[in-house]
PDB file of N, CA and C in Angstrom:
ATOM      1  N   MET A   1    -122.946  -4.288-108.433  1.00  0.00           N
ATOM      2  CA  MET A   1    -123.762  -3.924-108.046  1.00  0.00           C
ATOM      3  C   MET A   1    -123.490  -4.064-106.638  1.00  0.00           C
ATOM      4  N   THR A   2    -124.293  -3.450-105.343  1.00  0.00           N
ATOM      5  CA  THR A   2    -123.776  -3.517-104.040  1.00  0.00           C
ATOM      6  C   THR A   2    -124.585  -4.284-103.375  1.00  0.00           C
ATOM      7  N   ALA A   3    -124.083  -4.883-101.963  1.00  0.00           N
ATOM      8  CA  ALA A   3    -125.546  -5.589-101.586  1.00  0.00           C
ATOM      9  C   ALA A   3    -126.151  -4.702-100.538  1.00  0.00           C
ATOM     10  N   PRO A   4    -127.409  -4.900-100.058  1.00  0.00           N
ATOM     11  CA  PRO A   4    -128.193  -4.019 -99.638  1.00  0.00           C
ATOM     12  C   PRO A   4    -128.134  -3.786 -98.297  1.00  0.00           C
ATOM     13  N   ILE A   5    -128.122  -2.488 -97.764  1.00  0.00           N
ATOM     14  CA  ILE A   5    -128.021  -2.088 -96.680  1.00  0.00           C
ATOM     15  C   ILE A   5    -128.835  -2.731 -95.652  1.00  0.00           C
ATOM     16  N   GLN A   6    -128.600  -3.641 -94.411  1.00  0.00           N
ATOM     17  CA  GLN A   6    -129.587  -4.158 -93.561  1.00  0.00           C
ATOM     18  C   GLN A   6    -129.121  -3.778 -92.638  1.00  0.00           C
ATOM     19  N   LYS A   7    -130.793  -2.674 -91.914  1.00  0.00           N
ATOM     20  CA  LYS A   7    -130.653  -2.217 -90.758  1.00  0.00           C
ATOM     21  C   LYS A   7    -131.016  -2.495 -89.637  1.00  0.00           C
ATOM     22  N   SER A   8    -130.924  -2.546 -88.392  1.00  0.00           N
ATOM     23  CA  SER A   8    -132.326  -3.536 -87.325  1.00  0.00           C
ATOM     24  C   SER A   8    -131.408  -2.683 -86.204  1.00  0.00           C
ATOM     25  N   SER A   9    -132.193  -2.457 -85.419  1.00  0.00           N
ATOM     26  CA  SER A   9    -131.989  -2.047 -83.950  1.00  0.00           C
ATOM     27  C   SER A   9    -131.008  -3.222 -83.107  1.00  0.00           C
ATOM     28  N   ALA A  10    -130.983  -4.034 -83.548  1.00  0.00           N
ATOM     29  CA  ALA A  10    -130.626  -5.655 -82.748  1.00  0.00           C
ATOM     30  C   ALA A  10    -129.328  -5.371 -83.531  1.00  0.00           C
ATOM     31  N   LYS A  11    -127.918  -5.764 -82.630  1.00  0.00           N
ATOM     32  CA  LYS A  11    -127.065  -6.123 -83.234  1.00  0.00           C
ATOM     33  C   LYS A  11    -126.604  -7.389 -83.463  1.00  0.00           C
ATOM     34  N   ILE A  12    -126.736  -8.125 -84.634  1.00  0.00           N
ATOM     35  CA  ILE A  12    -126.711  -9.624 -84.395  1.00  0.00           C
ATOM     36  C   ILE A  12    -125.398  -9.725 -84.862  1.00  0.00           C
ATOM     37  N   LYS A  13    -123.991 -10.638 -84.765  1.00  0.00           N
ATOM     38  CA  LYS A  13    -122.931 -11.274 -84.629  1.00  0.00           C
ATOM     39  C   LYS A  13    -122.959 -12.756 -84.900  1.00  0.00           C
ATOM     40  N   ALA A  14    -123.107 -13.032 -85.678  1.00  0.00           N
ATOM     41  CA  ALA A  14    -123.214 -14.679 -85.981  1.00  0.00           C
ATOM     42  C   ALA A  14    -122.068 -15.093 -86.419  1.00  0.00           C
ATOM     43  N   ALA A  15    -121.976 -16.194 -85.320  1.00  0.00           N
ATOM     44  CA  ALA A  15    -120.281 -17.241 -86.162  1.00  0.00           C
ATOM     45  C   ALA A  15    -120.862 -17.862 -87.663  1.00  0.00           C
ATOM     46  N   GLN A  16    -121.934 -18.308 -88.089  1.00  0.00           N
ATOM     47  CA  GLN A  16    -122.207 -18.834 -89.609  1.00  0.00           C
ATOM     48  C   GLN A  16    -123.009 -17.618 -90.182  1.00  0.00           C
ATOM     49  N   GLN A  17    -122.610 -17.472 -91.424  1.00  0.00           N
ATOM     50  CA  GLN A  17    -123.165 -16.842 -92.831  1.00  0.00           C
ATOM     51  C   GLN A  17    -123.585 -17.883 -93.689  1.00  0.00           C
ATOM     52  N   VAL A  18    -124.230 -17.898 -94.373  1.00  0.00           N
ATOM     53  CA  VAL A  18    -124.555 -18.226 -95.916  1.00  0.00           C
ATOM     54  C   VAL A  18    -124.777 -16.885 -96.754  1.00  0.00           C
ATOM     55  N   VAL A  19    -124.070 -17.292 -98.322  1.00  0.00           N
ATOM     56  CA  VAL A  19    -124.545 -16.194 -98.850  1.00  0.00           C
ATOM     57  C   VAL A  19    -125.810 -16.725 -99.707  1.00  0.00           C
ATOM     58  N   THR A  20    -126.473 -15.315-100.338  1.00  0.00           N
ATOM     59  CA  THR A  20    -127.788 -15.611-100.522  1.00  0.00           C
ATOM     60  C   THR A  20    -128.029 -14.460-101.942  1.00  0.00           C
ATOM     61  N   GLY A  21    -129.028 -14.230-102.544  1.00  0.00           N
ATOM     62  CA  GLY A  21    -129.275 -13.751-104.158  1.00  0.00           C
ATOM     63  C   GLY A  21    -130.037 -13.731-104.540  1.00  0.00           C
ATOM     64  N   ASN A  22    -130.529 -13.366-105.901  1.00  0.00           N
ATOM     65  CA  ASN A  22    -131.710 -13.788-106.618  1.00  0.00           C
ATOM     66  C   ASN A  22    -131.324 -14.217-108.067  1.00  0.00           C
ATOM     67  N   ARG A  23    -131.790 -15.472-108.360  1.00  0.00           N
ATOM     68  CA  ARG A  23    -131.739 -16.096-109.616  1.00  0.00           C
ATOM     69  C   ARG A  23    -132.071 -15.016-110.644  1.00  0.00           C
ATOM     70  N   LEU A  24    -131.132 -14.951-111.860  1.00  0.00           N
ATOM     71  CA  LEU A  24    -131.877 -13.853-112.606  1.00  0.00           C
ATOM     72  C   LEU A  24    -132.792 -13.939-113.641  1.00  0.00           C
ATOM     73  N   SER A  25    -132.890 -15.352-113.684  1.00  0.00           N
ATOM     74  CA  SER A  25    -133.601 -15.740-114.770  1.00  0.00           C
ATOM     75  C   SER A  25    -135.405 -15.910-114.280  1.00  0.00           C
ATOM     76  N   ASP A  26    -135.636 -16.004-112.876  1.00  0.00           N
ATOM     77  CA  ASP A  26    -136.995 -16.299-112.639  1.00  0.00           C
ATOM     78  C   ASP A  26    -136.697 -15.229-111.123  1.00  0.00           C
ATOM     79  N   GLY A  27    -135.932 -14.844-110.664  1.00  0.00           N
ATOM     80  CA  GLY A  27    -136.342 -13.947-109.189  1.00  0.00           C
ATOM     81  C   GLY A  27    -136.282 -14.979-108.217  1.00  0.00           C
ATOM     82  N   VAL A  28    -135.840 -16.203-108.023  1.00  0.00           N
ATOM     83  CA  VAL A  28    -136.324 -16.743-107.041  1.00  0.00           C
ATOM     84  C   VAL A  28    -134.933 -16.806-105.773  1.00  0.00           C
ATOM     85  N   VAL A  29    -135.129 -17.177-105.073  1.00  0.00           N
ATOM     86  CA  VAL A  29    -134.312 -16.252-103.802  1.00  0.00           C
ATOM     87  C   VAL A  29    -133.425 -17.726-103.642  1.00  0.00           C
ATOM     88  N   VAL A  30    -132.236 -17.502-104.024  1.00  0.00           N
ATOM     89  CA  VAL A  30    -131.492 -18.118-103.851  1.00  0.00           C
ATOM     90  C   VAL A  30    -130.011 -18.291-102.834  1.00  0.00           C
ATOM     91  N   TYR A  31    -129.160 -19.787-102.475  1.00  0.00           N
ATOM     92  CA  TYR A  31    -128.448 -19.773-101.748  1.00  0.00           C
ATOM     93  C   TYR A  31    -127.320 -20.514-102.035  1.00  0.00           C
ATOM     94  N   LEU A  32    -125.913 -19.645-102.290  1.00  0.00           N
ATOM     95  CA  LEU A  32    -124.888 -20.635-102.687  1.00  0.00           C
ATOM     96  C   LEU A  32    -124.574 -21.814-102.091  1.00  0.00           C
ATOM     97  N   ASP A  33    -124.208 -22.940-102.698  1.00  0.00           N
ATOM     98  CA  ASP A  33    -124.602 -24.812-102.127  1.00  0.00           C
ATOM     99  C   ASP A  33    -122.726 -25.041-101.697  1.00  0.00           C
ATOM    100  N   PRO A  34    -122.978 -25.879-101.449  1.00  0.00           N
ATOM    101  CA  PRO A  34    -121.349 -26.154-101.082  1.00  0.00           C
ATOM    102  C   PRO A  34    -120.188 -26.545-102.305  1.00  0.00           C
ATOM    103  N   ALA A  35    -121.163 -26.876-103.707  1.00  0.00           N
ATOM    104  CA  ALA A  35    -120.575 -27.200-105.156  1.00  0.00           C
ATOM    105  C   ALA A  35    -120.325 -25.857-105.571  1.00  0.00           C
ATOM    106  N   GLY A  36    -120.873 -25.033-105.299  1.00  0.00           N
ATOM    107  CA  GLY A  36    -120.404 -23.709-105.635  1.00  0.00           C
ATOM    108  C   GLY A  36    -121.474 -23.125-106.742  1.00  0.00           C
ATOM    109  N   GLY A  37    -122.562 -23.974-106.919  1.00  0.00           N
ATOM    110  CA  GLY A  37    -123.881 -23.852-107.326  1.00  0.00           C
ATOM    111  C   GLY A  37    -125.019 -23.137-106.660  1.00  0.00           C
ATOM    112  N   TRP A  38    -125.843 -23.082-106.823  1.00  0.00           N
ATOM    113  CA  TRP A  38    -126.990 -21.843-106.363  1.00  0.00           C
ATOM    114  C   TRP A  38    -128.322 -23.217-105.959  1.00  0.00           C
ATOM    115  N   THR A  39    -128.688 -23.232-105.028  1.00  0.00           N
ATOM    116  CA  THR A  39    -130.309 -24.004-104.453  1.00  0.00           C
ATOM    117  C   THR A  39    -131.434 -22.616-103.855  1.00  0.00           C
ATOM    118  N   ASP A  40    -132.302 -23.376-104.099  1.00  0.00           N
ATOM    119  CA  ASP A  40    -133.241 -22.366-103.524  1.00  0.00           C
ATOM    120  C   ASP A  40    -133.876 -22.858-102.078  1.00  0.00           C
ATOM    121  N   ARG A  41    -133.094 -24.095-101.400  1.00  0.00           N
ATOM    122  CA  ARG A  41    -133.202 -24.683-100.021  1.00  0.00           C
ATOM    123  C   ARG A  41    -132.319 -24.049 -99.232  1.00  0.00           C
ATOM    124  N   ILE A  42    -132.926 -23.180 -98.392  1.00  0.00           N
ATOM    125  CA  ILE A  42    -131.595 -23.014 -97.436  1.00  0.00           C
ATOM    126  C   ILE A  42    -130.852 -23.755 -96.565  1.00  0.00           C
ATOM    127  N   ALA A  43    -131.720 -25.068 -96.732  1.00  0.00           N
ATOM    128  CA  ALA A  43    -131.262 -26.332 -95.901  1.00  0.00           C
ATOM    129  C   ALA A  43    -129.767 -26.908 -96.727  1.00  0.00           C
ATOM    130  N   GLU A  44    -129.872 -26.581 -97.847  1.00  0.00           N
ATOM    131  CA  GLU A  44    -128.998 -27.285 -98.603  1.00  0.00           C
ATOM    132  C   GLU A  44    -127.575 -25.923 -98.868  1.00  0.00           C
ATOM    133  N   ALA A  45    -127.931 -24.910 -98.517  1.00  0.00           N
ATOM    134  CA  ALA A  45    -127.078 -24.052 -98.443  1.00  0.00           C
ATOM    135  C   ALA A  45    -125.226 -24.040 -97.869  1.00  0.00           C
ATOM    136  N   ARG A  46    -124.353 -23.780 -98.231  1.00  0.00           N
ATOM    137  CA  ARG A  46    -122.906 -23.380 -97.873  1.00  0.00           C
ATOM    138  C   ARG A  46    -122.982 -22.575 -96.906  1.00  0.00           C
ATOM    139  N   VAL A  47    -122.399 -23.000 -95.453  1.00  0.00           N
ATOM    140  CA  VAL A  47    -122.324 -22.480 -94.528  1.00  0.00           C
ATOM    141  C   VAL A  47    -120.893 -21.996 -94.171  1.00  0.00           C
ATOM    142  N   ALA A  48    -120.283 -20.774 -94.186  1.00  0.00           N
ATOM    143  CA  ALA A  48    -118.874 -20.350 -93.403  1.00  0.00           C
ATOM    144  C   ALA A  48    -119.026 -20.198 -92.423  1.00  0.00           C
ATOM    145  N   ASP A  49    -118.341 -20.750 -91.648  1.00  0.00           N
ATOM    146  CA  ASP A  49    -118.104 -20.614 -90.018  1.00  0.00           C
ATOM    147  C   ASP A  49    -116.987 -19.412 -89.875  1.00  0.00           C
ATOM    148  N   SER A  50    -116.110 -19.196 -90.475  1.00  0.00           N
ATOM    149  CA  SER A  50    -114.914 -18.033 -90.550  1.00  0.00           C
ATOM    150  C   SER A  50    -114.809 -16.761 -91.398  1.00  0.00           C
ATOM    151  N   ALA A  51    -114.278 -15.925 -91.210  1.00  0.00           N
ATOM    152  CA  ALA A  51    -114.266 -14.638 -92.116  1.00  0.00           C
ATOM    153  C   ALA A  51    -113.750 -15.427 -93.678  1.00  0.00           C
ATOM    154  N   ASP A  52    -112.772 -16.227 -93.351  1.00  0.00           N
ATOM    155  CA  ASP A  52    -112.069 -16.667 -94.659  1.00  0.00           C
ATOM    156  C   ASP A  52    -112.714 -17.407 -95.271  1.00  0.00           C
ATOM    157  N   GLU A  53    -113.857 -18.415 -94.752  1.00  0.00           N
ATOM    158  CA  GLU A  53    -114.529 -19.265 -95.324  1.00  0.00           C
ATOM    159  C   GLU A  53    -115.326 -18.139 -95.994  1.00  0.00           C
ATOM    160  N   LEU A  54    -115.904 -17.122 -95.521  1.00  0.00           N
ATOM    161  CA  LEU A  54    -117.445 -16.347 -96.037  1.00  0.00           C
ATOM    162  C   LEU A  54    -116.755 -15.439 -97.698  1.00  0.00           C
ATOM    163  N   GLU A  55    -114.968 -15.258 -97.013  1.00  0.00           N
ATOM    164  CA  GLU A  55    -114.525 -14.316 -98.186  1.00  0.00           C
ATOM    165  C   GLU A  55    -114.478 -15.191 -99.492  1.00  0.00           C
ATOM    166  N   ALA A  56    -114.101 -16.684 -99.223  1.00  0.00           N
ATOM    167  CA  ALA A  56    -114.084 -17.545-100.691  1.00  0.00           C
ATOM    168  C   ALA A  56    -115.522 -17.783-100.979  1.00  0.00           C
ATOM    169  N   ALA A  57    -116.951 -17.951 -99.806  1.00  0.00           N
ATOM    170  CA  ALA A  57    -118.199 -17.872-100.761  1.00  0.00           C
ATOM    171  C   ALA A  57    -118.435 -16.729-101.548  1.00  0.00           C
ATOM    172  N   MET A  58    -117.996 -15.106-100.837  1.00  0.00           N
ATOM    173  CA  MET A  58    -118.770 -14.547-101.404  1.00  0.00           C
ATOM    174  C   MET A  58    -117.714 -14.122-103.006  1.00  0.00           C
ATOM    175  N   ILE A  59    -116.118 -14.492-103.036  1.00  0.00           N
ATOM    176  CA  ILE A  59    -116.147 -14.714-104.065  1.00  0.00           C
ATOM    177  C   ILE A  59    -116.398 -15.549-105.840  1.00  0.00           C
ATOM    178  N   VAL A  60    -117.160 -16.495-104.935  1.00  0.00           N
ATOM    179  CA  VAL A  60    -118.005 -17.042-105.457  1.00  0.00           C
ATOM    180  C   VAL A  60    -119.608 -16.539-105.970  1.00  0.00           C
ATOM    181  N   GLY A  61    -120.408 -15.897-104.907  1.00  0.00           N
ATOM    182  CA  GLY A  61    -120.917 -15.139-104.960  1.00  0.00           C
ATOM    183  C   GLY A  61    -120.948 -14.003-105.886  1.00  0.00           C
ATOM    184  N   LYS A  62    -119.671 -13.237-106.187  1.00  0.00           N
ATOM    185  CA  LYS A  62    -119.731 -12.572-107.042  1.00  0.00           C
ATOM    186  C   LYS A  62    -119.622 -12.945-108.579  1.00  0.00           C
ATOM    187  N   GLN A  63    -118.714 -13.888-108.289  1.00  0.00           N
ATOM    188  CA  GLN A  63    -118.378 -14.382-109.780  1.00  0.00           C
ATOM    189  C   GLN A  63    -120.000 -15.089-110.525  1.00  0.00           C
ATOM    190  N   GLY A  64    -121.009 -15.111-109.514  1.00  0.00           N
ATOM    191  CA  GLY A  64    -122.396 -15.391-110.014  1.00  0.00           C
ATOM    192  C   GLY A  64    -122.746 -14.666-110.684  1.00  0.00           C
ATOM    193  N   GLU A  65    -123.010 -12.887-110.183  1.00  0.00           N
ATOM    194  CA  GLU A  65    -123.161 -11.942-110.410  1.00  0.00           C
ATOM    195  C   GLU A  65    -122.639 -11.845-111.873  1.00  0.00           C
ATOM    196  N   ARG A  66    -121.090 -12.025-112.185  1.00  0.00           N
ATOM    197  CA  ARG A  66    -120.708 -11.564-113.314  1.00  0.00           C
ATOM    198  C   ARG A  66    -121.193 -12.595-114.218  1.00  0.00           C
ATOM    199  N   ASP A  67    -121.692 -13.710-114.114  1.00  0.00           N
ATOM    200  CA  ASP A  67    -121.913 -14.641-114.801  1.00  0.00           C
ATOM    201  C   ASP A  67    -123.412 -14.544-115.087  1.00  0.00           C
ATOM    202  N   GLN A  68    -123.893 -13.708-114.468  1.00  0.00           N
ATOM    203  CA  GLN A  68    -125.141 -13.388-114.626  1.00  0.00           C
ATOM    204  C   GLN A  68    -126.331 -14.471-114.185  1.00  0.00           C
ATOM    205  N   VAL A  69    -125.709 -14.990-113.245  1.00  0.00           N
ATOM    206  CA  VAL A  69    -126.861 -16.208-112.880  1.00  0.00           C
ATOM    207  C   VAL A  69    -127.447 -15.522-111.314  1.00  0.00           C
ATOM    208  N   VAL A  70    -126.952 -14.464-110.699  1.00  0.00           N
ATOM    209  CA  VAL A  70    -127.444 -14.479-110.116  1.00  0.00           C
ATOM    210  C   VAL A  70    -127.322 -12.341-109.381  1.00  0.00           C
ATOM    211  N   VAL A  71    -128.353 -12.349-108.868  1.00  0.00           N
ATOM    212  CA  VAL A  71    -127.877 -10.533-108.449  1.00  0.00           C
ATOM    213  C   VAL A  71    -128.108 -10.425-107.365  1.00  0.00           C
ATOM    214  N   GLU A  72    -127.355  -9.445-106.775  1.00  0.00           N
ATOM    215  CA  GLU A  72    -127.204  -8.846-105.380  1.00  0.00           C
ATOM    216  C   GLU A  72    -126.806 -10.090-104.507  1.00  0.00           C
ATOM    217  N   ALA A  73    -126.031 -10.563-104.907  1.00  0.00           N
ATOM    218  CA  ALA A  73    -124.915 -11.853-104.033  1.00  0.00           C
ATOM    219  C   ALA A  73    -124.693 -10.994-102.412  1.00  0.00           C
ATOM    220  N   TYR A  74    -125.045 -11.321-101.154  1.00  0.00           N
ATOM    221  CA  TYR A  74    -124.517 -11.049-100.025  1.00  0.00           C
ATOM    222  C   TYR A  74    -124.750 -11.817 -99.149  1.00  0.00           C
ATOM    223  N   PRO A  75    -124.053 -11.675 -97.900  1.00  0.00           N
ATOM    224  CA  PRO A  75    -123.619 -12.836 -96.503  1.00  0.00           C
ATOM    225  C   PRO A  75    -125.065 -12.299 -95.625  1.00  0.00           C
ATOM    226  N   ILE A  76    -125.806 -13.954 -95.198  1.00  0.00           N
ATOM    227  CA  ILE A  76    -126.529 -13.580 -94.220  1.00  0.00           C
ATOM    228  C   ILE A  76    -126.732 -14.187 -92.911  1.00  0.00           C
ATOM    229  N   ASP A  77    -126.404 -13.783 -91.778  1.00  0.00           N
ATOM    230  CA  ASP A  77    -126.599 -14.435 -90.561  1.00  0.00           C
ATOM    231  C   ASP A  77    -127.259 -15.143 -90.283  1.00  0.00           C
ATOM    232  N   VAL A  78    -126.962 -16.504 -89.758  1.00  0.00           N
ATOM    233  CA  VAL A  78    -127.886 -17.980 -89.755  1.00  0.00           C
ATOM    234  C   VAL A  78    -127.053 -18.554 -88.366  1.00  0.00           C
ATOM    235  N   GLU A  79    -127.655 -19.381 -88.318  1.00  0.00           N
ATOM    236  CA  GLU A  79    -127.506 -20.147 -87.031  1.00  0.00           C
ATOM    237  C   GLU A  79    -127.703 -21.811 -87.535  1.00  0.00           C
ATOM    238  N   ARG A  80    -126.786 -22.611 -86.816  1.00  0.00           N
ATOM    239  CA  ARG A  80    -127.092 -24.038 -87.460  1.00  0.00           C
ATOM    240  C   ARG A  80    -128.001 -24.770 -86.545  1.00  0.00           C
ATOM    241  N   GLY A  81    -129.166 -25.512 -87.378  1.00  0.00           N
ATOM    242  CA  GLY A  81    -130.441 -25.839 -86.544  1.00  0.00           C
ATOM    243  C   GLY A  81    -130.150 -27.445 -86.832  1.00  0.00           C
ATOM    244  N   PRO A  82    -131.543 -27.999 -86.340  1.00  0.00           N
ATOM    245  CA  PRO A  82    -131.941 -29.362 -86.865  1.00  0.00           C
ATOM    246  C   PRO A  82    -131.921 -29.843 -88.338  1.00  0.00           C
ATOM    247  N   GLN A  83    -132.272 -28.623 -88.835  1.00  0.00           N
ATOM    248  CA  GLN A  83    -132.777 -28.877 -90.288  1.00  0.00           C
ATOM    249  C   GLN A  83    -131.687 -27.920 -91.282  1.00  0.00           C
ATOM    250  N   GLY A  84    -130.689 -27.755 -90.873  1.00  0.00           N
ATOM    251  CA  GLY A  84    -129.764 -26.970 -91.406  1.00  0.00           C
ATOM    252  C   GLY A  84    -129.697 -25.486 -90.707  1.00  0.00           C
ATOM    253  N   PRO A  85    -129.149 -24.677 -91.910  1.00  0.00           N
ATOM    254  CA  PRO A  85    -129.312 -22.815 -91.195  1.00  0.00           C
ATOM    255  C   PRO A  85    -130.733 -22.496 -91.144  1.00  0.00           C
ATOM    256  N   ARG A  86    -130.854 -21.826 -90.672  1.00  0.00           N
ATOM    257  CA  ARG A  86    -132.185 -20.606 -90.159  1.00  0.00           C
ATOM    258  C   ARG A  86    -131.183 -19.389 -89.811  1.00  0.00           C
ATOM    259  N   PRO A  87    -131.977 -18.768 -90.959  1.00  0.00           N
ATOM    260  CA  PRO A  87    -131.946 -17.110 -90.596  1.00  0.00           C
ATOM    261  C   PRO A  87    -131.937 -16.296 -89.638  1.00  0.00           C
ATOM    262  N   LEU A  88    -131.402 -15.346 -89.181  1.00  0.00           N
ATOM    263  CA  LEU A  88    -131.487 -14.764 -88.224  1.00  0.00           C
ATOM    264  C   LEU A  88    -132.267 -13.228 -88.068  1.00  0.00           C
ATOM    265  N   ARG A  89    -132.317 -12.646 -88.644  1.00  0.00           N
ATOM    266  CA  ARG A  89    -133.157 -11.728 -89.419  1.00  0.00           C
ATOM    267  C   ARG A  89    -134.712 -11.878 -89.882  1.00  0.00           C
ATOM    268  N   ILE A  90    -135.607 -11.039 -89.205  1.00  0.00           N
ATOM    269  CA  ILE A  90    -136.938 -11.203 -90.071  1.00  0.00           C
ATOM    270  C   ILE A  90    -136.894 -11.037 -91.571  1.00  0.00           C
ATOM    271  N   ARG A  91    -136.334 -10.344 -91.979  1.00  0.00           N
ATOM    272  CA  ARG A  91    -136.119 -10.140 -93.410  1.00  0.00           C
ATOM    273  C   ARG A  91    -135.852 -11.508 -94.089  1.00  0.00           C
ATOM    274  N   GLU A  92    -134.612 -12.003 -93.812  1.00  0.00           N
ATOM    275  CA  GLU A  92    -134.393 -13.246 -94.093  1.00  0.00           C
ATOM    276  C   GLU A  92    -134.993 -14.573 -93.961  1.00  0.00           C
ATOM    277  N   LYS A  93    -135.690 -14.371 -92.705  1.00  0.00           N
ATOM    278  CA  LYS A  93    -136.680 -15.519 -92.890  1.00  0.00           C
ATOM    279  C   LYS A  93    -137.418 -15.394 -93.694  1.00  0.00           C
ATOM    280  N   ILE A  94    -138.144 -14.742 -93.819  1.00  0.00           N
ATOM    281  CA  ILE A  94    -139.118 -14.209 -94.905  1.00  0.00           C
ATOM    282  C   ILE A  94    -138.570 -14.818 -96.234  1.00  0.00           C
ATOM    283  N   ARG A  95    -137.661 -14.242 -96.822  1.00  0.00           N
ATOM    284  CA  ARG A  95    -136.856 -14.850 -98.020  1.00  0.00           C
ATOM    285  C   ARG A  95    -136.704 -16.028 -97.994  1.00  0.00           C
ATOM    286  N   ALA A  96    -136.550 -16.831 -96.726  1.00  0.00           N
ATOM    287  CA  ALA A  96    -135.991 -18.294 -97.154  1.00  0.00           C
ATOM    288  C   ALA A  96    -137.454 -18.843 -96.855  1.00  0.00           C
ATOM    289  N   GLU A  97    -138.762 -18.449 -96.336  1.00  0.00           N
ATOM    290  CA  GLU A  97    -139.918 -18.777 -95.932  1.00  0.00           C
ATOM    291  C   GLU A  97    -140.387 -19.368 -97.050  1.00  0.00           C
ATOM    292  N   GLY A  98    -140.925 -18.150 -98.227  1.00  0.00           N
ATOM    293  CA  GLY A  98    -141.732 -17.526 -99.080  1.00  0.00           C
ATOM    294  C   GLY A  98    -142.435 -15.999 -99.499  1.00  0.00           C
ATOM    295  N   PRO A  99    -143.540 -16.378 -99.980  1.00  0.00           N
ATOM    296  CA  PRO A  99    -144.499 -15.146 -99.534  1.00  0.00           C
ATOM    297  C   PRO A  99    -145.149 -15.280 -98.480  1.00  0.00           C
ATOM    298  N   THR A 100    -145.657 -14.104 -97.708  1.00  0.00           N
ATOM    299  CA  THR A 100    -146.484 -13.896 -96.654  1.00  0.00           C
ATOM    300  C   THR A 100    -147.921 -13.619 -96.737  1.00  0.00           C
ATOM    301  N   VAL A 101    -148.008 -13.084 -97.935  1.00  0.00           N
ATOM    302  CA  VAL A 101    -149.316 -12.699 -98.465  1.00  0.00           C
ATOM    303  C   VAL A 101    -150.245 -14.252 -98.982  1.00  0.00           C
ATOM    304  N   ARG A 102    -149.710 -15.179 -99.292  1.00  0.00           N
ATOM    305  CA  ARG A 102    -150.264 -16.530-100.049  1.00  0.00           C
ATOM    306  C   ARG A 102    -149.489 -17.570 -99.212  1.00  0.00           C
ATOM    307  N   THR A 103    -149.916 -17.668 -98.201  1.00  0.00           N
ATOM    308  CA  THR A 103    -149.377 -18.842 -97.419  1.00  0.00           C
ATOM    309  C   THR A 103    -149.524 -20.399 -98.015  1.00  0.00           C
ATOM    310  N   ASP A 104    -150.154 -20.408 -99.002  1.00  0.00           N
ATOM    311  CA  ASP A 104    -150.258 -21.831 -99.917  1.00  0.00           C
ATOM    312  C   ASP A 104    -149.173 -21.709-100.510  1.00  0.00           C
ATOM    313  N   LEU A 105    -148.394 -20.391-100.903  1.00  0.00           N
ATOM    314  CA  LEU A 105    -147.501 -20.861-101.700  1.00  0.00           C
ATOM    315  C   LEU A 105    -145.824 -20.994-101.312  1.00  0.00           C
ATOM    316  N   ALA A 106    -146.211 -20.782 -99.377  1.00  0.00           N
ATOM    317  CA  ALA A 106    -144.754 -20.735 -98.683  1.00  0.00           C
ATOM    318  C   ALA A 106    -144.335 -22.139 -98.827  1.00  0.00           C
ATOM    319  N   ARG A 107    -142.891 -22.354 -98.669  1.00  0.00           N
ATOM    320  CA  ARG A 107    -142.359 -23.633 -98.843  1.00  0.00           C
ATOM    321  C   ARG A 107    -141.671 -23.854 -97.427  1.00  0.00           C
ATOM    322  N   PRO A 108    -141.204 -25.040 -96.933  1.00  0.00           N
ATOM    323  CA  PRO A 108    -140.725 -25.179 -95.172  1.00  0.00           C
ATOM    324  C   PRO A 108    -139.142 -24.450 -95.542  1.00  0.00           C
ATOM    325  N   LEU A 109    -138.590 -24.914 -94.554  1.00  0.00           N
ATOM    326  CA  LEU A 109    -136.960 -24.349 -94.464  1.00  0.00           C
ATOM    327  C   LEU A 109    -136.037 -25.698 -94.964  1.00  0.00           C
ATOM    328  N   SER A 110    -136.676 -26.526 -94.371  1.00  0.00           N
ATOM    329  CA  SER A 110    -136.187 -28.057 -94.674  1.00  0.00           C
ATOM    330  C   SER A 110    -136.560 -28.803 -96.341  1.00  0.00           C
ATOM    331  N   ALA A 111    -135.529 -29.708 -96.770  1.00  0.00           N
ATOM    332  CA  ALA A 111    -135.776 -30.219 -98.126  1.00  0.00           C
ATOM    333  C   ALA A 111    -137.003 -31.253 -97.558  1.00  0.00           C
TER     334      ALA A 111
END
């Protein structure tokens, strides 16, 4: 499977990235964590600060696809904030925060 193409009129070049996907068992948005597992909290995500770190993280992400744990593992641009990484693109902010149609189901970015 290939990662979705993210189109935007703004050119974002982030120094940090995290790997995200959807858990195959229930479709929940997940993020690669520092231990090589998957978490539904972006605040707990493994942050890649370099191309080498991102490449290593993507290897783990693609292995998660082969192991049928996640689907569509791909990197997203983030910035570090007081409560952990924050997505830069609106699509990823929505994925991190939860549904937009039922705000009672939304979850905070931090734990």
